[in-house]
N, C-alpha and C. Protein backbone atom coordinates (compact mmCIF):
# COMPACT_ATOMS: atom_id res chain seq x y z
N MET A 1 88.41 -18.03 -56.47
CA MET A 1 87.78 -16.63 -56.23
C MET A 1 87.32 -17.11 -54.56
N ASN A 2 87.42 -16.33 -53.82
CA ASN A 2 86.84 -16.23 -52.73
C ASN A 2 85.86 -14.92 -52.22
N TYR A 3 85.22 -15.29 -51.24
CA TYR A 3 83.83 -14.52 -51.21
C TYR A 3 84.07 -13.78 -49.74
N TRP A 4 83.41 -12.62 -49.33
CA TRP A 4 83.42 -12.02 -48.54
C TRP A 4 82.47 -11.12 -47.96
N LEU A 5 82.32 -10.53 -46.63
CA LEU A 5 81.42 -9.50 -46.45
C LEU A 5 82.10 -8.52 -45.90
N VAL A 6 81.64 -7.03 -45.83
CA VAL A 6 82.19 -6.14 -44.88
C VAL A 6 81.30 -5.65 -44.40
N LYS A 7 80.71 -4.84 -43.07
CA LYS A 7 79.95 -4.03 -42.69
C LYS A 7 80.08 -2.77 -42.75
N SER A 8 79.30 -1.66 -43.27
CA SER A 8 79.71 -0.03 -42.62
C SER A 8 78.40 0.54 -42.16
N GLU A 9 78.24 1.05 -41.02
CA GLU A 9 77.11 1.85 -40.80
C GLU A 9 76.91 2.83 -42.04
N PRO A 10 75.73 2.86 -42.64
CA PRO A 10 75.65 4.02 -43.54
C PRO A 10 75.71 5.38 -43.18
N PHE A 11 75.46 5.86 -41.66
CA PHE A 11 76.02 7.06 -41.46
C PHE A 11 77.22 7.68 -41.67
N LYS A 12 78.23 6.41 -41.53
CA LYS A 12 79.72 6.87 -41.60
C LYS A 12 80.04 6.03 -42.44
N TYR A 13 80.02 5.42 -44.09
CA TYR A 13 80.10 5.03 -44.90
C TYR A 13 79.26 4.10 -45.66
N SER A 14 78.60 5.04 -46.34
CA SER A 14 77.36 3.99 -47.34
C SER A 14 77.60 3.83 -48.74
N TRP A 15 76.97 2.98 -49.03
CA TRP A 15 77.10 1.96 -50.65
C TRP A 15 76.93 2.83 -51.36
N GLU A 16 76.27 4.09 -50.99
CA GLU A 16 76.01 5.63 -52.22
C GLU A 16 77.24 6.01 -51.94
N GLN A 17 77.87 6.60 -50.98
CA GLN A 17 78.89 7.18 -51.13
C GLN A 17 80.54 6.36 -51.55
N PHE A 18 80.12 4.95 -51.33
CA PHE A 18 81.75 4.02 -51.94
C PHE A 18 81.34 4.24 -53.55
N LEU A 19 80.02 4.37 -54.25
CA LEU A 19 79.75 4.58 -55.44
C LEU A 19 80.47 6.02 -55.79
N LYS A 20 80.32 6.87 -55.45
CA LYS A 20 80.42 8.09 -55.73
C LYS A 20 82.56 8.57 -55.66
N ASP A 21 82.61 7.69 -54.76
CA ASP A 21 84.27 7.73 -54.29
C ASP A 21 84.95 6.70 -55.53
N LYS A 22 84.14 5.92 -55.84
CA LYS A 22 84.81 4.58 -57.03
C LYS A 22 85.79 3.90 -56.69
N LYS A 23 86.44 3.99 -55.04
CA LYS A 23 87.33 3.21 -54.38
C LYS A 23 87.44 3.78 -52.94
N THR A 24 88.10 2.86 -52.21
CA THR A 24 88.19 3.11 -50.88
C THR A 24 89.16 2.10 -50.33
N HIS A 25 89.88 2.56 -49.18
CA HIS A 25 90.95 1.48 -48.45
C HIS A 25 89.81 1.24 -47.25
N TRP A 26 89.69 0.06 -46.62
CA TRP A 26 88.86 -0.57 -45.80
C TRP A 26 89.65 -0.16 -44.47
N ASP A 27 90.04 0.61 -43.48
CA ASP A 27 90.62 0.41 -42.63
C ASP A 27 90.01 0.79 -41.57
N GLY A 28 90.26 0.91 -40.16
CA GLY A 28 89.77 0.83 -39.12
C GLY A 28 89.35 -0.43 -38.18
N VAL A 29 89.93 -1.29 -39.28
CA VAL A 29 89.59 -2.61 -38.47
C VAL A 29 90.41 -2.95 -37.39
N ARG A 30 89.84 -3.38 -35.99
CA ARG A 30 90.51 -3.59 -34.96
C ARG A 30 90.36 -4.82 -34.44
N ASN A 31 90.00 -5.60 -34.81
CA ASN A 31 89.85 -7.28 -34.52
C ASN A 31 90.36 -8.21 -35.16
N TYR A 32 91.30 -8.93 -34.42
CA TYR A 32 92.15 -9.76 -34.83
C TYR A 32 91.43 -11.15 -36.25
N ALA A 33 90.13 -11.41 -36.13
CA ALA A 33 89.91 -12.45 -36.48
C ALA A 33 89.22 -11.66 -38.28
N ALA A 34 88.66 -10.52 -38.20
CA ALA A 34 88.69 -9.32 -39.07
C ALA A 34 89.84 -9.06 -39.96
N ARG A 35 90.86 -8.55 -39.07
CA ARG A 35 91.95 -8.43 -39.83
C ARG A 35 92.61 -10.14 -40.39
N ASN A 36 92.41 -10.80 -40.08
CA ASN A 36 92.97 -12.16 -40.50
C ASN A 36 92.47 -12.17 -42.17
N ASN A 37 90.61 -11.75 -41.97
CA ASN A 37 89.95 -11.92 -43.23
C ASN A 37 90.37 -11.13 -44.32
N LEU A 38 91.29 -10.07 -43.73
CA LEU A 38 91.62 -8.85 -44.54
C LEU A 38 92.67 -9.14 -45.37
N LYS A 39 93.66 -9.88 -44.29
CA LYS A 39 94.67 -10.57 -44.90
C LYS A 39 94.78 -11.43 -46.14
N ALA A 40 93.60 -12.10 -45.69
CA ALA A 40 93.79 -13.59 -46.70
C ALA A 40 92.79 -13.14 -48.08
N MET A 41 92.09 -12.02 -48.05
CA MET A 41 91.70 -11.30 -49.50
C MET A 41 92.71 -11.28 -50.61
N GLU A 42 92.29 -11.55 -51.69
CA GLU A 42 93.03 -11.59 -53.00
C GLU A 42 92.07 -10.67 -53.95
N LYS A 43 93.29 -10.20 -54.75
CA LYS A 43 92.92 -9.23 -56.11
C LYS A 43 91.73 -9.98 -56.80
N GLY A 44 90.55 -9.58 -56.79
CA GLY A 44 89.68 -10.05 -57.78
C GLY A 44 88.31 -10.51 -56.91
N ASP A 45 88.49 -10.52 -55.70
CA ASP A 45 87.76 -11.34 -54.86
C ASP A 45 86.39 -10.73 -54.85
N LYS A 46 85.58 -11.02 -54.70
CA LYS A 46 84.01 -10.19 -54.54
C LYS A 46 83.77 -10.14 -53.36
N VAL A 47 83.18 -9.14 -52.71
CA VAL A 47 82.83 -8.65 -51.59
C VAL A 47 81.38 -8.19 -51.24
N PHE A 48 80.75 -8.46 -50.37
CA PHE A 48 79.03 -8.26 -50.22
C PHE A 48 79.31 -7.12 -49.36
N PHE A 49 78.73 -5.89 -49.50
CA PHE A 49 78.52 -4.66 -48.63
C PHE A 49 77.46 -4.58 -48.03
N TYR A 50 77.42 -4.76 -46.69
CA TYR A 50 76.47 -4.79 -45.79
C TYR A 50 76.12 -3.54 -44.85
N HIS A 51 74.92 -2.96 -44.89
CA HIS A 51 74.56 -1.63 -44.17
C HIS A 51 74.30 -2.30 -42.40
N SER A 52 75.35 -1.88 -41.89
CA SER A 52 74.91 -2.51 -40.49
C SER A 52 73.80 -1.28 -39.64
N ASN A 53 73.69 -1.55 -38.54
CA ASN A 53 72.61 -0.50 -37.76
C ASN A 53 71.79 -0.02 -38.22
N GLU A 54 71.85 0.51 -39.63
CA GLU A 54 70.68 0.96 -40.03
C GLU A 54 70.48 0.41 -41.41
N GLY A 55 69.20 -0.15 -41.79
CA GLY A 55 69.11 -1.16 -42.89
C GLY A 55 69.40 -2.28 -42.82
N LEU A 56 70.60 -2.97 -42.31
CA LEU A 56 70.73 -4.30 -42.01
C LEU A 56 70.32 -5.16 -43.22
N GLN A 57 70.94 -4.81 -44.13
CA GLN A 57 70.96 -5.57 -45.84
C GLN A 57 72.31 -5.69 -46.42
N ILE A 58 72.40 -6.42 -47.15
CA ILE A 58 73.36 -6.32 -48.07
C ILE A 58 72.60 -5.58 -49.26
N VAL A 59 73.59 -4.50 -49.69
CA VAL A 59 73.19 -3.69 -50.68
C VAL A 59 74.10 -3.89 -51.97
N GLY A 60 75.25 -4.43 -51.96
CA GLY A 60 75.96 -4.15 -53.26
C GLY A 60 77.50 -5.07 -52.96
N ILE A 61 77.91 -5.21 -54.22
CA ILE A 61 79.36 -6.14 -54.20
C ILE A 61 80.23 -4.91 -54.67
N ALA A 62 81.14 -5.45 -53.67
CA ALA A 62 82.68 -4.52 -54.10
C ALA A 62 83.77 -5.96 -54.38
N GLU A 63 84.64 -5.19 -55.51
CA GLU A 63 85.81 -6.10 -55.18
C GLU A 63 87.25 -5.68 -54.76
N VAL A 64 88.27 -6.53 -54.85
CA VAL A 64 88.87 -6.17 -53.99
C VAL A 64 90.04 -5.95 -55.07
N ALA A 65 90.45 -4.68 -54.95
CA ALA A 65 91.18 -4.01 -56.17
C ALA A 65 92.86 -3.80 -55.70
N LYS A 66 93.16 -4.24 -54.14
CA LYS A 66 94.39 -4.28 -53.85
C LYS A 66 94.95 -5.18 -52.49
N THR A 67 95.40 -5.94 -52.43
CA THR A 67 95.44 -6.90 -51.23
C THR A 67 96.32 -6.18 -50.06
N ALA A 68 96.14 -7.07 -48.86
CA ALA A 68 96.49 -6.05 -47.70
C ALA A 68 97.86 -5.36 -47.55
N TYR A 69 97.69 -4.16 -46.94
CA TYR A 69 98.95 -3.20 -46.75
C TYR A 69 98.40 -2.57 -45.26
N GLN A 70 99.82 -2.35 -44.89
CA GLN A 70 99.71 -1.45 -43.79
C GLN A 70 98.57 -0.09 -43.68
N ASP A 71 97.75 -0.02 -42.39
CA ASP A 71 96.51 0.31 -42.00
C ASP A 71 97.04 1.76 -41.74
N PRO A 72 97.27 2.74 -43.16
CA PRO A 72 97.30 3.98 -42.57
C PRO A 72 97.09 5.31 -41.46
N THR A 73 95.89 4.67 -41.00
CA THR A 73 95.45 5.45 -39.71
C THR A 73 96.00 5.01 -38.81
N THR A 74 96.75 4.17 -38.72
CA THR A 74 97.83 3.65 -37.44
C THR A 74 99.55 3.19 -37.98
N GLU A 75 100.49 3.53 -36.98
CA GLU A 75 101.21 3.03 -37.14
C GLU A 75 101.47 1.65 -36.61
N ASP A 76 100.60 0.88 -35.81
CA ASP A 76 100.94 -0.80 -35.07
C ASP A 76 100.73 -1.57 -36.58
N PRO A 77 102.04 -2.30 -36.51
CA PRO A 77 102.01 -2.98 -37.86
C PRO A 77 101.17 -3.96 -38.04
N ASN A 78 100.26 -4.54 -36.84
CA ASN A 78 99.39 -5.33 -36.69
C ASN A 78 98.06 -4.93 -37.64
N TRP A 79 97.82 -3.72 -37.99
CA TRP A 79 96.45 -3.49 -38.88
C TRP A 79 96.75 -3.29 -40.15
N VAL A 80 95.77 -4.05 -41.10
CA VAL A 80 95.88 -3.70 -42.16
C VAL A 80 94.66 -3.33 -43.03
N VAL A 81 94.66 -2.57 -44.38
CA VAL A 81 93.72 -2.42 -44.74
C VAL A 81 93.85 -2.98 -46.73
N VAL A 82 92.69 -3.13 -46.91
CA VAL A 82 92.74 -3.70 -48.57
C VAL A 82 91.80 -2.43 -48.98
N ASP A 83 92.58 -2.25 -50.40
CA ASP A 83 91.46 -1.29 -51.52
C ASP A 83 90.13 -2.17 -51.74
N LEU A 84 89.44 -1.51 -52.17
CA LEU A 84 88.08 -2.06 -52.44
C LEU A 84 87.30 -1.08 -53.62
N LYS A 85 87.16 -1.73 -54.65
CA LYS A 85 85.93 -0.86 -55.55
C LYS A 85 85.01 -1.64 -55.73
N PRO A 86 83.73 -0.44 -56.53
CA PRO A 86 82.37 -0.94 -56.76
C PRO A 86 82.44 -2.06 -57.63
N TYR A 87 81.86 -2.90 -57.38
CA TYR A 87 81.43 -3.92 -58.82
C TYR A 87 80.24 -3.99 -58.93
N LYS A 88 78.84 -4.02 -58.44
CA LYS A 88 77.19 -3.87 -58.66
C LYS A 88 76.45 -3.99 -57.44
N THR A 89 75.84 -3.13 -57.71
CA THR A 89 74.28 -2.63 -56.77
C THR A 89 73.75 -4.03 -57.21
N LEU A 90 73.00 -4.21 -56.12
CA LEU A 90 72.06 -5.56 -56.17
C LEU A 90 70.88 -5.07 -56.48
N PRO A 91 70.37 -5.77 -57.43
CA PRO A 91 68.89 -4.86 -57.83
C PRO A 91 67.84 -5.24 -56.69
N THR A 92 67.69 -5.97 -55.47
CA THR A 92 66.82 -6.02 -54.57
C THR A 92 68.24 -6.24 -53.79
N PRO A 93 68.18 -5.23 -52.45
CA PRO A 93 68.91 -5.63 -51.26
C PRO A 93 68.32 -7.05 -50.13
N VAL A 94 69.13 -7.55 -49.84
CA VAL A 94 68.88 -9.07 -48.98
C VAL A 94 69.36 -8.34 -47.24
N THR A 95 67.80 -8.57 -46.89
CA THR A 95 68.12 -8.10 -45.54
C THR A 95 68.47 -9.24 -44.44
N LEU A 96 68.81 -9.26 -43.26
CA LEU A 96 69.21 -9.52 -42.22
C LEU A 96 68.45 -11.05 -42.22
N ALA A 97 66.84 -10.11 -42.09
CA ALA A 97 66.20 -11.29 -41.54
C ALA A 97 65.80 -11.97 -42.31
N GLN A 98 65.91 -11.66 -43.79
CA GLN A 98 65.46 -12.80 -45.00
C GLN A 98 67.03 -13.64 -44.93
N ILE A 99 68.18 -13.42 -44.55
CA ILE A 99 69.14 -14.26 -44.49
C ILE A 99 68.92 -15.14 -43.20
N LYS A 100 68.71 -14.74 -42.14
CA LYS A 100 68.52 -15.73 -41.13
C LYS A 100 67.56 -16.51 -41.34
N ALA A 101 65.99 -16.19 -42.04
CA ALA A 101 64.99 -17.12 -42.43
C ALA A 101 65.48 -18.49 -43.32
N GLU A 102 66.70 -18.16 -43.79
CA GLU A 102 67.12 -19.39 -45.01
C GLU A 102 67.67 -20.40 -44.45
N PRO A 103 67.24 -21.39 -43.98
CA PRO A 103 68.22 -22.46 -43.59
C PRO A 103 69.91 -22.65 -44.36
N LYS A 104 69.73 -22.33 -45.33
CA LYS A 104 70.65 -22.68 -46.27
C LYS A 104 72.56 -21.76 -45.84
N LEU A 105 72.04 -20.71 -45.52
CA LEU A 105 72.71 -19.51 -44.77
C LEU A 105 72.57 -19.40 -43.24
N ALA A 106 72.19 -20.40 -42.55
CA ALA A 106 72.60 -20.52 -40.91
C ALA A 106 73.94 -20.54 -40.71
N GLY A 107 75.17 -20.84 -41.37
CA GLY A 107 76.52 -21.14 -41.24
C GLY A 107 77.18 -19.83 -41.56
N MET A 108 76.54 -18.95 -42.04
CA MET A 108 77.21 -17.67 -42.58
C MET A 108 77.66 -16.80 -41.49
N ASP A 109 78.73 -16.46 -41.35
CA ASP A 109 79.83 -15.65 -40.42
C ASP A 109 78.39 -14.25 -39.86
N LEU A 110 78.01 -13.84 -40.86
CA LEU A 110 77.10 -12.71 -40.55
C LEU A 110 75.72 -13.20 -39.31
N VAL A 111 75.76 -14.50 -39.50
CA VAL A 111 74.40 -14.78 -38.38
C VAL A 111 75.18 -15.50 -37.64
N LYS A 112 76.28 -16.44 -37.53
CA LYS A 112 76.99 -16.64 -36.45
C LYS A 112 78.17 -15.98 -35.71
N LEU A 113 78.71 -15.13 -35.98
CA LEU A 113 79.70 -13.93 -35.60
C LEU A 113 79.14 -12.81 -35.91
N SER A 114 78.14 -12.55 -35.43
CA SER A 114 77.34 -11.20 -35.97
C SER A 114 78.31 -10.41 -35.58
N ARG A 115 78.95 -10.00 -34.66
CA ARG A 115 79.49 -8.81 -34.39
C ARG A 115 81.16 -8.71 -35.07
N LEU A 116 81.28 -9.21 -36.15
CA LEU A 116 82.38 -9.34 -36.61
C LEU A 116 82.06 -8.81 -38.23
N SER A 117 83.35 -7.68 -38.51
CA SER A 117 83.19 -6.70 -39.30
C SER A 117 83.62 -6.75 -40.79
N VAL A 118 84.09 -8.03 -40.50
CA VAL A 118 84.76 -8.36 -42.04
C VAL A 118 84.71 -10.26 -42.14
N GLY A 119 84.05 -10.59 -42.90
CA GLY A 119 83.61 -12.18 -42.59
C GLY A 119 83.48 -12.55 -43.59
N ARG A 120 84.14 -14.34 -43.82
CA ARG A 120 84.01 -14.80 -44.78
C ARG A 120 82.57 -15.51 -45.47
N VAL A 121 82.66 -15.64 -46.51
CA VAL A 121 81.33 -16.47 -47.21
C VAL A 121 81.79 -17.32 -48.16
N THR A 122 80.92 -18.30 -48.29
CA THR A 122 81.34 -19.35 -48.89
C THR A 122 80.65 -19.16 -50.74
N GLN A 123 81.10 -19.66 -51.42
CA GLN A 123 80.52 -20.21 -52.77
C GLN A 123 79.23 -20.36 -52.67
N ALA A 124 78.68 -20.99 -52.36
CA ALA A 124 77.24 -21.45 -52.16
C ALA A 124 76.60 -20.39 -51.31
N GLU A 125 76.87 -19.76 -50.25
CA GLU A 125 76.17 -18.82 -49.88
C GLU A 125 75.99 -17.79 -50.70
N TYR A 126 77.10 -17.02 -51.23
CA TYR A 126 77.29 -16.04 -52.07
C TYR A 126 76.31 -16.26 -53.45
N GLU A 127 76.16 -17.64 -53.81
CA GLU A 127 75.33 -17.68 -55.03
C GLU A 127 73.92 -17.69 -54.72
N HIS A 128 73.44 -18.25 -53.20
CA HIS A 128 72.21 -18.24 -52.89
C HIS A 128 71.57 -16.57 -52.42
N ILE A 129 72.79 -15.62 -51.81
CA ILE A 129 72.00 -14.37 -51.79
C ILE A 129 71.96 -13.67 -53.14
N MET A 130 72.88 -14.13 -53.95
CA MET A 130 72.28 -13.28 -55.70
C MET A 130 71.45 -13.87 -55.83
N LYS A 131 71.23 -14.70 -55.83
CA LYS A 131 69.50 -15.51 -56.41
C LYS A 131 68.44 -14.72 -55.47
N MET A 132 68.50 -14.51 -54.26
CA MET A 132 67.77 -13.68 -53.28
C MET A 132 67.43 -12.19 -53.84
N ALA A 133 68.68 -11.91 -54.35
CA ALA A 133 68.88 -10.61 -54.50
C ALA A 133 67.85 -10.00 -56.23
N GLY A 134 67.74 -11.17 -56.79
CA GLY A 134 67.56 -11.05 -58.16
C GLY A 134 68.35 -11.32 -59.17
N ALA A 135 69.69 -11.00 -58.83
CA ALA A 135 70.96 -10.77 -59.86
C ALA A 135 71.51 -12.09 -60.30
């Protein structure tokens, strides 16, 4: 199993809306590194859901429900989406400030590649964040 992180601005698409929708395709990615991460996702992978710009915190975990396919918002074959479904709301959100304060998380894409909208998370990082969240 692989682990990932996706970012969404809460005013555009929040964790709460995702819970109501029960499933979504992750579209609109127009960065090649983020696109490559979408392409690498496998069904069942766990994905941290991060509120960016407002909140600046990981609030929940999604699961990959369907692997990469053509992004329906564009005819350009270079861009893909994956389907995600909610897996678990974190008992306690983990803030960016908390993540940056943890030496064990200094190598996270979220910290090192802060503008990347879809990033990799190692198993050790995933487990550490889960402990921080009380999960």
